[in-house]
PDB file of N, CA and C in Angstrom:
ATOM      1  N   MET A   1     -15.745   8.063  -9.240  1.00  0.00           N
ATOM      2  CA  MET A   1     -14.590   8.877  -8.927  1.00  0.00           C
ATOM      3  C   MET A   1     -13.288   8.090  -9.043  1.00  0.00           C
ATOM      4  N   TYR A   2     -13.362   6.777  -8.997  1.00  0.00           N
ATOM      5  CA  TYR A   2     -12.163   5.938  -9.048  1.00  0.00           C
ATOM      6  C   TYR A   2     -11.351   6.216 -10.306  1.00  0.00           C
ATOM      7  N   GLU A   3     -12.005   6.205 -11.470  1.00  0.00           N
ATOM      8  CA  GLU A   3     -11.316   6.440 -12.737  1.00  0.00           C
ATOM      9  C   GLU A   3     -10.724   7.849 -12.784  1.00  0.00           C
ATOM     10  N   GLU A   4     -11.452   8.833 -12.292  1.00  0.00           N
ATOM     11  CA  GLU A   4     -10.962  10.209 -12.283  1.00  0.00           C
ATOM     12  C   GLU A   4      -9.731  10.352 -11.389  1.00  0.00           C
ATOM     13  N   GLN A   5      -9.763   9.696 -10.241  1.00  0.00           N
ATOM     14  CA  GLN A   5      -8.622   9.761  -9.334  1.00  0.00           C
ATOM     15  C   GLN A   5      -7.405   9.072  -9.937  1.00  0.00           C
ATOM     16  N   LEU A   6      -7.597   7.947 -10.596  1.00  0.00           N
ATOM     17  CA  LEU A   6      -6.486   7.255 -11.243  1.00  0.00           C
ATOM     18  C   LEU A   6      -5.831   8.127 -12.309  1.00  0.00           C
ATOM     19  N   SER A   7      -6.641   8.850 -13.048  1.00  0.00           N
ATOM     20  CA  SER A   7      -6.104   9.669 -14.144  1.00  0.00           C
ATOM     21  C   SER A   7      -5.277  10.848 -13.631  1.00  0.00           C
ATOM     22  N   MET A   8      -5.386  11.178 -12.356  1.00  0.00           N
ATOM     23  CA  MET A   8      -4.662  12.317 -11.800  1.00  0.00           C
ATOM     24  C   MET A   8      -3.330  11.936 -11.158  1.00  0.00           C
ATOM     25  N   ILE A   9      -2.973  10.653 -11.126  1.00  0.00           N
ATOM     26  CA  ILE A   9      -1.725  10.216 -10.517  1.00  0.00           C
ATOM     27  C   ILE A   9      -0.565  10.643 -11.409  1.00  0.00           C
ATOM     28  N   GLY A  10       0.452  11.250 -10.786  1.00  0.00           N
ATOM     29  CA  GLY A  10       1.612  11.715 -11.538  1.00  0.00           C
ATOM     30  C   GLY A  10       2.921  11.295 -10.900  1.00  0.00           C
ATOM     31  N   ALA A  11       4.012  11.683 -11.524  1.00  0.00           N
ATOM     32  CA  ALA A  11       5.350  11.294 -11.073  1.00  0.00           C
ATOM     33  C   ALA A  11       5.723  11.897  -9.721  1.00  0.00           C
ATOM     34  N   ASN A  12       5.066  12.967  -9.309  1.00  0.00           N
ATOM     35  CA  ASN A  12       5.371  13.598  -8.021  1.00  0.00           C
ATOM     36  C   ASN A  12       4.523  13.056  -6.880  1.00  0.00           C
ATOM     37  N   ASP A  13       3.721  12.035  -7.154  1.00  0.00           N
ATOM     38  CA  ASP A  13       2.833  11.465  -6.141  1.00  0.00           C
ATOM     39  C   ASP A  13       3.449  10.235  -5.486  1.00  0.00           C
ATOM     40  N   ALA A  14       2.946   9.923  -4.309  1.00  0.00           N
ATOM     41  CA  ALA A  14       3.287   8.680  -3.608  1.00  0.00           C
ATOM     42  C   ALA A  14       1.982   7.955  -3.304  1.00  0.00           C
ATOM     43  N   ILE A  15       1.969   6.670  -3.560  1.00  0.00           N
ATOM     44  CA  ILE A  15       0.779   5.841  -3.377  1.00  0.00           C
ATOM     45  C   ILE A  15       1.050   4.830  -2.265  1.00  0.00           C
ATOM     46  N   VAL A  16       0.087   4.665  -1.378  1.00  0.00           N
ATOM     47  CA  VAL A  16       0.137   3.600  -0.380  1.00  0.00           C
ATOM     48  C   VAL A  16      -0.955   2.611  -0.753  1.00  0.00           C
ATOM     49  N   ALA A  17      -0.548   1.394  -1.120  1.00  0.00           N
ATOM     50  CA  ALA A  17      -1.498   0.352  -1.511  1.00  0.00           C
ATOM     51  C   ALA A  17      -1.483  -0.743  -0.454  1.00  0.00           C
ATOM     52  N   ILE A  18      -2.669  -1.099   0.029  1.00  0.00           N
ATOM     53  CA  ILE A  18      -2.804  -2.130   1.054  1.00  0.00           C
ATOM     54  C   ILE A  18      -3.813  -3.152   0.556  1.00  0.00           C
ATOM     55  N   SER A  19      -3.364  -4.401   0.422  1.00  0.00           N
ATOM     56  CA  SER A  19      -4.281  -5.453  -0.006  1.00  0.00           C
ATOM     57  C   SER A  19      -3.722  -6.813   0.409  1.00  0.00           C
ATOM     58  N   PHE A  20      -4.628  -7.692   0.768  1.00  0.00           N
ATOM     59  CA  PHE A  20      -4.279  -9.040   1.195  1.00  0.00           C
ATOM     60  C   PHE A  20      -5.037 -10.034   0.317  1.00  0.00           C
ATOM     61  N   SER A  21      -4.557 -11.265   0.286  1.00  0.00           N
ATOM     62  CA  SER A  21      -5.190 -12.305  -0.527  1.00  0.00           C
ATOM     63  C   SER A  21      -6.613 -12.552  -0.045  1.00  0.00           C
ATOM     64  N   PRO A  22      -7.577 -12.580  -0.930  1.00  0.00           N
ATOM     65  CA  PRO A  22      -7.517 -12.366  -2.380  1.00  0.00           C
ATOM     66  C   PRO A  22      -7.407 -10.876  -2.681  1.00  0.00           C
ATOM     67  N   TYR A  23      -6.479 -10.516  -3.536  1.00  0.00           N
ATOM     68  CA  TYR A  23      -6.143  -9.121  -3.795  1.00  0.00           C
ATOM     69  C   TYR A  23      -7.244  -8.422  -4.596  1.00  0.00           C
ATOM     70  N   ALA A  24      -7.620  -7.235  -4.138  1.00  0.00           N
ATOM     71  CA  ALA A  24      -8.671  -6.472  -4.810  1.00  0.00           C
ATOM     72  C   ALA A  24      -8.185  -6.024  -6.188  1.00  0.00           C
ATOM     73  N   ASN A  25      -8.993  -6.258  -7.206  1.00  0.00           N
ATOM     74  CA  ASN A  25      -8.627  -5.870  -8.573  1.00  0.00           C
ATOM     75  C   ASN A  25      -8.365  -4.372  -8.671  1.00  0.00           C
ATOM     76  N   GLU A  26      -9.139  -3.571  -7.952  1.00  0.00           N
ATOM     77  CA  GLU A  26      -8.966  -2.124  -7.994  1.00  0.00           C
ATOM     78  C   GLU A  26      -7.603  -1.703  -7.451  1.00  0.00           C
ATOM     79  N   THR A  27      -7.134  -2.381  -6.421  1.00  0.00           N
ATOM     80  CA  THR A  27      -5.840  -2.028  -5.829  1.00  0.00           C
ATOM     81  C   THR A  27      -4.709  -2.403  -6.769  1.00  0.00           C
ATOM     82  N   VAL A  28      -4.802  -3.557  -7.403  1.00  0.00           N
ATOM     83  CA  VAL A  28      -3.778  -3.969  -8.375  1.00  0.00           C
ATOM     84  C   VAL A  28      -3.769  -2.999  -9.563  1.00  0.00           C
ATOM     85  N   ALA A  29      -4.956  -2.604 -10.036  1.00  0.00           N
ATOM     86  CA  ALA A  29      -5.051  -1.646 -11.147  1.00  0.00           C
ATOM     87  C   ALA A  29      -4.447  -0.305 -10.752  1.00  0.00           C
ATOM     88  N   LEU A  30      -4.709   0.142  -9.516  1.00  0.00           N
ATOM     89  CA  LEU A  30      -4.125   1.384  -9.012  1.00  0.00           C
ATOM     90  C   LEU A  30      -2.607   1.319  -9.052  1.00  0.00           C
ATOM     91  N   SER A  31      -2.037   0.208  -8.597  1.00  0.00           N
ATOM     92  CA  SER A  31      -0.581   0.058  -8.593  1.00  0.00           C
ATOM     93  C   SER A  31      -0.010   0.073 -10.007  1.00  0.00           C
ATOM     94  N   GLU A  32      -0.690  -0.554 -10.935  1.00  0.00           N
ATOM     95  CA  GLU A  32      -0.236  -0.550 -12.329  1.00  0.00           C
ATOM     96  C   GLU A  32      -0.235   0.864 -12.898  1.00  0.00           C
ATOM     97  N   VAL A  33      -1.326   1.593 -12.690  1.00  0.00           N
ATOM     98  CA  VAL A  33      -1.430   2.962 -13.198  1.00  0.00           C
ATOM     99  C   VAL A  33      -0.366   3.850 -12.564  1.00  0.00           C
ATOM    100  N   ALA A  34      -0.187   3.721 -11.255  1.00  0.00           N
ATOM    101  CA  ALA A  34       0.805   4.530 -10.550  1.00  0.00           C
ATOM    102  C   ALA A  34       2.214   4.226 -11.054  1.00  0.00           C
ATOM    103  N   SER A  35       2.491   2.961 -11.325  1.00  0.00           N
ATOM    104  CA  SER A  35       3.795   2.570 -11.851  1.00  0.00           C
ATOM    105  C   SER A  35       4.051   3.210 -13.213  1.00  0.00           C
ATOM    106  N   LYS A  36       3.069   3.158 -14.083  1.00  0.00           N
ATOM    107  CA  LYS A  36       3.205   3.761 -15.416  1.00  0.00           C
ATOM    108  C   LYS A  36       3.374   5.275 -15.332  1.00  0.00           C
ATOM    109  N   ALA A  37       2.753   5.893 -14.317  1.00  0.00           N
ATOM    110  CA  ALA A  37       2.836   7.347 -14.148  1.00  0.00           C
ATOM    111  C   ALA A  37       4.143   7.774 -13.477  1.00  0.00           C
ATOM    112  N   GLY A  38       4.883   6.819 -12.932  1.00  0.00           N
ATOM    113  CA  GLY A  38       6.144   7.133 -12.271  1.00  0.00           C
ATOM    114  C   GLY A  38       6.018   7.507 -10.808  1.00  0.00           C
ATOM    115  N   ALA A  39       4.864   7.273 -10.213  1.00  0.00           N
ATOM    116  CA  ALA A  39       4.652   7.575  -8.788  1.00  0.00           C
ATOM    117  C   ALA A  39       5.391   6.556  -7.923  1.00  0.00           C
ATOM    118  N   LYS A  40       5.852   6.990  -6.774  1.00  0.00           N
ATOM    119  CA  LYS A  40       6.475   6.090  -5.803  1.00  0.00           C
ATOM    120  C   LYS A  40       5.378   5.307  -5.100  1.00  0.00           C
ATOM    121  N   GLN A  41       5.700   4.058  -4.704  1.00  0.00           N
ATOM    122  CA  GLN A  41       4.672   3.221  -4.084  1.00  0.00           C
ATOM    123  C   GLN A  41       5.177   2.525  -2.832  1.00  0.00           C
ATOM    124  N   ILE A  42       4.355   2.600  -1.806  1.00  0.00           N
ATOM    125  CA  ILE A  42       4.556   1.840  -0.576  1.00  0.00           C
ATOM    126  C   ILE A  42       3.439   0.804  -0.543  1.00  0.00           C
ATOM    127  N   VAL A  43       3.814  -0.455  -0.395  1.00  0.00           N
ATOM    128  CA  VAL A  43       2.839  -1.542  -0.424  1.00  0.00           C
ATOM    129  C   VAL A  43       2.846  -2.270   0.913  1.00  0.00           C
ATOM    130  N   ILE A  44       1.656  -2.535   1.425  1.00  0.00           N
ATOM    131  CA  ILE A  44       1.482  -3.375   2.604  1.00  0.00           C
ATOM    132  C   ILE A  44       0.635  -4.552   2.145  1.00  0.00           C
ATOM    133  N   THR A  45       1.201  -5.758   2.268  1.00  0.00           N
ATOM    134  CA  THR A  45       0.528  -6.943   1.746  1.00  0.00           C
ATOM    135  C   THR A  45       0.911  -8.163   2.575  1.00  0.00           C
ATOM    136  N   ASP A  46       0.444  -9.324   2.171  1.00  0.00           N
ATOM    137  CA  ASP A  46       0.648 -10.535   2.975  1.00  0.00           C
ATOM    138  C   ASP A  46       1.656 -11.526   2.396  1.00  0.00           C
ATOM    139  N   SER A  47       2.257 -11.212   1.245  1.00  0.00           N
ATOM    140  CA  SER A  47       3.166 -12.166   0.629  1.00  0.00           C
ATOM    141  C   SER A  47       4.174 -11.450  -0.264  1.00  0.00           C
ATOM    142  N   GLN A  48       5.376 -11.989  -0.327  1.00  0.00           N
ATOM    143  CA  GLN A  48       6.395 -11.418  -1.208  1.00  0.00           C
ATOM    144  C   GLN A  48       6.054 -11.637  -2.678  1.00  0.00           C
ATOM    145  N   VAL A  49       5.158 -12.565  -2.957  1.00  0.00           N
ATOM    146  CA  VAL A  49       4.738 -12.810  -4.340  1.00  0.00           C
ATOM    147  C   VAL A  49       3.376 -12.184  -4.639  1.00  0.00           C
ATOM    148  N   SER A  50       2.946 -11.268  -3.794  1.00  0.00           N
ATOM    149  CA  SER A  50       1.716 -10.517  -4.039  1.00  0.00           C
ATOM    150  C   SER A  50       1.861  -9.765  -5.356  1.00  0.00           C
ATOM    151  N   PRO A  51       0.788  -9.619  -6.126  1.00  0.00           N
ATOM    152  CA  PRO A  51       0.886  -8.876  -7.384  1.00  0.00           C
ATOM    153  C   PRO A  51       1.248  -7.407  -7.176  1.00  0.00           C
ATOM    154  N   LEU A  52       1.092  -6.902  -5.969  1.00  0.00           N
ATOM    155  CA  LEU A  52       1.418  -5.502  -5.691  1.00  0.00           C
ATOM    156  C   LEU A  52       2.914  -5.254  -5.550  1.00  0.00           C
ATOM    157  N   THR A  53       3.653  -6.246  -5.095  1.00  0.00           N
ATOM    158  CA  THR A  53       5.083  -6.037  -4.840  1.00  0.00           C
ATOM    159  C   THR A  53       5.864  -5.758  -6.119  1.00  0.00           C
ATOM    160  N   ALA A  54       5.376  -6.213  -7.251  1.00  0.00           N
ATOM    161  CA  ALA A  54       6.073  -5.972  -8.519  1.00  0.00           C
ATOM    162  C   ALA A  54       6.132  -4.485  -8.852  1.00  0.00           C
ATOM    163  N   PHE A  55       5.191  -3.708  -8.352  1.00  0.00           N
ATOM    164  CA  PHE A  55       5.120  -2.283  -8.659  1.00  0.00           C
ATOM    165  C   PHE A  55       5.688  -1.400  -7.551  1.00  0.00           C
ATOM    166  N   SER A  56       6.040  -1.988  -6.414  1.00  0.00           N
ATOM    167  CA  SER A  56       6.375  -1.193  -5.228  1.00  0.00           C
ATOM    168  C   SER A  56       7.819  -0.712  -5.218  1.00  0.00           C
ATOM    169  N   ASP A  57       8.017   0.411  -4.541  1.00  0.00           N
ATOM    170  CA  ASP A  57       9.363   0.895  -4.232  1.00  0.00           C
ATOM    171  C   ASP A  57       9.773   0.364  -2.862  1.00  0.00           C
ATOM    172  N   VAL A  58       8.777   0.238  -1.975  1.00  0.00           N
ATOM    173  CA  VAL A  58       8.979  -0.313  -0.640  1.00  0.00           C
ATOM    174  C   VAL A  58       7.810  -1.246  -0.347  1.00  0.00           C
ATOM    175  N   SER A  59       8.113  -2.452   0.149  1.00  0.00           N
ATOM    176  CA  SER A  59       7.059  -3.410   0.489  1.00  0.00           C
ATOM    177  C   SER A  59       7.183  -3.832   1.947  1.00  0.00           C
ATOM    178  N   PHE A  60       6.055  -3.891   2.605  1.00  0.00           N
ATOM    179  CA  PHE A  60       5.978  -4.439   3.950  1.00  0.00           C
ATOM    180  C   PHE A  60       5.103  -5.680   3.874  1.00  0.00           C
ATOM    181  N   VAL A  61       5.661  -6.826   4.269  1.00  0.00           N
ATOM    182  CA  VAL A  61       4.906  -8.078   4.253  1.00  0.00           C
ATOM    183  C   VAL A  61       4.464  -8.378   5.675  1.00  0.00           C
ATOM    184  N   ILE A  62       3.150  -8.431   5.858  1.00  0.00           N
ATOM    185  CA  ILE A  62       2.546  -8.631   7.176  1.00  0.00           C
ATOM    186  C   ILE A  62       1.808  -9.967   7.186  1.00  0.00           C
ATOM    187  N   LYS A  63       2.095 -10.770   8.164  1.00  0.00           N
ATOM    188  CA  LYS A  63       1.365 -12.033   8.359  1.00  0.00           C
ATOM    189  C   LYS A  63       0.384 -11.825   9.502  1.00  0.00           C
ATOM    190  N   GLU A  64      -0.858 -11.589   9.152  1.00  0.00           N
ATOM    191  CA  GLU A  64      -1.900 -11.374  10.152  1.00  0.00           C
ATOM    192  C   GLU A  64      -2.427 -12.718  10.665  1.00  0.00           C
ATOM    193  N   ALA A  65      -2.869 -12.726  11.907  1.00  0.00           N
ATOM    194  CA  ALA A  65      -3.489 -13.919  12.475  1.00  0.00           C
ATOM    195  C   ALA A  65      -4.850 -14.133  11.814  1.00  0.00           C
ATOM    196  N   LYS A  66      -5.193 -15.399  11.570  1.00  0.00           N
ATOM    197  CA  LYS A  66      -6.494 -15.715  10.967  1.00  0.00           C
ATOM    198  C   LYS A  66      -7.210 -16.751  11.817  1.00  0.00           C
ATOM    199  N   VAL A  67      -8.502 -16.552  11.953  1.00  0.00           N
ATOM    200  CA  VAL A  67      -9.373 -17.533  12.588  1.00  0.00           C
ATOM    201  C   VAL A  67     -10.520 -17.759  11.625  1.00  0.00           C
ATOM    202  N   ASP A  68     -10.568 -18.956  11.054  1.00  0.00           N
ATOM    203  CA  ASP A  68     -11.540 -19.282  10.015  1.00  0.00           C
ATOM    204  C   ASP A  68     -11.428 -18.263   8.880  1.00  0.00           C
ATOM    205  N   ALA A  69     -12.485 -17.574   8.546  1.00  0.00           N
ATOM    206  CA  ALA A  69     -12.448 -16.608   7.445  1.00  0.00           C
ATOM    207  C   ALA A  69     -12.142 -15.193   7.925  1.00  0.00           C
ATOM    208  N   PHE A  70     -11.898 -15.015   9.208  1.00  0.00           N
ATOM    209  CA  PHE A  70     -11.660 -13.683   9.762  1.00  0.00           C
ATOM    210  C   PHE A  70     -10.173 -13.447   9.957  1.00  0.00           C
ATOM    211  N   ARG A  71      -9.701 -12.301   9.459  1.00  0.00           N
ATOM    212  CA  ARG A  71      -8.292 -11.946   9.568  1.00  0.00           C
ATOM    213  C   ARG A  71      -8.150 -10.738  10.490  1.00  0.00           C
ATOM    214  N   SER A  72      -7.246 -10.842  11.442  1.00  0.00           N
ATOM    215  CA  SER A  72      -6.961  -9.713  12.319  1.00  0.00           C
ATOM    216  C   SER A  72      -6.216  -8.653  11.512  1.00  0.00           C
ATOM    217  N   GLN A  73      -6.469  -7.405  11.805  1.00  0.00           N
ATOM    218  CA  GLN A  73      -5.768  -6.307  11.133  1.00  0.00           C
ATOM    219  C   GLN A  73      -4.844  -5.568  12.103  1.00  0.00           C
ATOM    220  N   SER A  74      -4.595  -6.141  13.264  1.00  0.00           N
ATOM    221  CA  SER A  74      -3.822  -5.464  14.304  1.00  0.00           C
ATOM    222  C   SER A  74      -2.407  -5.121  13.862  1.00  0.00           C
ATOM    223  N   ALA A  75      -1.693  -6.062  13.286  1.00  0.00           N
ATOM    224  CA  ALA A  75      -0.309  -5.807  12.869  1.00  0.00           C
ATOM    225  C   ALA A  75      -0.256  -4.744  11.768  1.00  0.00           C
ATOM    226  N   SER A  76      -1.186  -4.802  10.836  1.00  0.00           N
ATOM    227  CA  SER A  76      -1.226  -3.810   9.753  1.00  0.00           C
ATOM    228  C   SER A  76      -1.525  -2.420  10.306  1.00  0.00           C
ATOM    229  N   LEU A  77      -2.472  -2.324  11.224  1.00  0.00           N
ATOM    230  CA  LEU A  77      -2.805  -1.035  11.827  1.00  0.00           C
ATOM    231  C   LEU A  77      -1.629  -0.464  12.612  1.00  0.00           C
ATOM    232  N   CYS A  78      -0.905  -1.307  13.330  1.00  0.00           N
ATOM    233  CA  CYS A  78       0.274  -0.839  14.073  1.00  0.00           C
ATOM    234  C   CYS A  78       1.340  -0.315  13.113  1.00  0.00           C
ATOM    235  N   LEU A  79       1.551  -1.007  12.003  1.00  0.00           N
ATOM    236  CA  LEU A  79       2.521  -0.556  11.006  1.00  0.00           C
ATOM    237  C   LEU A  79       2.122   0.795  10.425  1.00  0.00           C
ATOM    238  N   VAL A  80       0.866   0.953  10.033  1.00  0.00           N
ATOM    239  CA  VAL A  80       0.386   2.210   9.453  1.00  0.00           C
ATOM    240  C   VAL A  80       0.514   3.352  10.462  1.00  0.00           C
ATOM    241  N   GLN A  81       0.163   3.094  11.714  1.00  0.00           N
ATOM    242  CA  GLN A  81       0.307   4.127  12.748  1.00  0.00           C
ATOM    243  C   GLN A  81       1.771   4.504  12.943  1.00  0.00           C
ATOM    244  N   SER A  82       2.661   3.521  12.934  1.00  0.00           N
ATOM    245  CA  SER A  82       4.093   3.792  13.086  1.00  0.00           C
ATOM    246  C   SER A  82       4.625   4.630  11.927  1.00  0.00           C
ATOM    247  N   LEU A  83       4.197   4.319  10.715  1.00  0.00           N
ATOM    248  CA  LEU A  83       4.620   5.098   9.546  1.00  0.00           C
ATOM    249  C   LEU A  83       4.112   6.539   9.642  1.00  0.00           C
ATOM    250  N   ALA A  84       2.861   6.709  10.046  1.00  0.00           N
ATOM    251  CA  ALA A  84       2.287   8.051  10.156  1.00  0.00           C
ATOM    252  C   ALA A  84       3.017   8.874  11.226  1.00  0.00           C
ATOM    253  N   VAL A  85       3.293   8.277  12.374  1.00  0.00           N
ATOM    254  CA  VAL A  85       3.995   8.989  13.445  1.00  0.00           C
ATOM    255  C   VAL A  85       5.411   9.337  12.991  1.00  0.00           C
ATOM    256  N   SER A  86       6.074   8.409  12.331  1.00  0.00           N
ATOM    257  CA  SER A  86       7.429   8.662  11.834  1.00  0.00           C
ATOM    258  C   SER A  86       7.454   9.817  10.837  1.00  0.00           C
ATOM    259  N   MET A  87       6.483   9.851   9.940  1.00  0.00           N
ATOM    260  CA  MET A  87       6.402  10.946   8.967  1.00  0.00           C
ATOM    261  C   MET A  87       6.150  12.275   9.669  1.00  0.00           C
ATOM    262  N   ALA A  88       5.301  12.269  10.679  1.00  0.00           N
ATOM    263  CA  ALA A  88       5.009  13.504  11.422  1.00  0.00           C
ATOM    264  C   ALA A  88       6.250  14.010  12.154  1.00  0.00           C
ATOM    265  N   ILE A  89       6.974  13.108  12.775  1.00  0.00           N
ATOM    266  CA  ILE A  89       8.188  13.502  13.489  1.00  0.00           C
ATOM    267  C   ILE A  89       9.236  14.033  12.517  1.00  0.00           C
ATOM    268  N   ASN A  90       9.417  13.351  11.390  1.00  0.00           N
ATOM    269  CA  ASN A  90      10.406  13.791  10.406  1.00  0.00           C
ATOM    270  C   ASN A  90      10.042  15.126   9.791  1.00  0.00           C
ATOM    271  N   SER A  91       8.754  15.408   9.603  1.00  0.00           N
ATOM    272  CA  SER A  91       8.353  16.675   9.000  1.00  0.00           C
ATOM    273  C   SER A  91       8.596  17.848   9.968  1.00  0.00           C
ATOM    274  N   LYS A  92       8.573  17.583  11.279  1.00  0.00           N
ATOM    275  CA  LYS A  92       8.838  18.627  12.266  1.00  0.00           C
ATOM    276  C   LYS A  92      10.305  19.042  12.257  1.00  0.00           C
ATOM    277  N   HIS A  93      11.188  18.117  11.913  1.00  0.00           N
ATOM    278  CA  HIS A  93      12.632  18.365  11.971  1.00  0.00           C
ATOM    279  C   HIS A  93      13.172  18.956  10.682  1.00  0.00           C
ATOM    280  N   LYS A  94      12.333  19.235   9.740  1.00  0.00           N
ATOM    281  CA  LYS A  94      12.824  19.805   8.469  1.00  0.00           C
ATOM    282  C   LYS A  94      12.607  21.278   8.413  1.00  0.00           C
TER     283      LYS A  94
END
């Protein structure tokens, strides 16, 4: 379904891409396809030099805490929840 979903991205779509180092090839490919299609992109990543930021309209750089090979996702989850609540509140006022 991945290829089918990519082929349906258009200029009226908005994409939210979330990936941290090492960046998933599928997420980078999604951002490239969305960019070529003219879709707007919101990126959540861990570095300003992430391969995703080149395609983004808006980038959020999150530095998550790491212990050995385990990365906390708390800051990213808080950001996503804040964005969702903000969108819900704004949609009520329109």
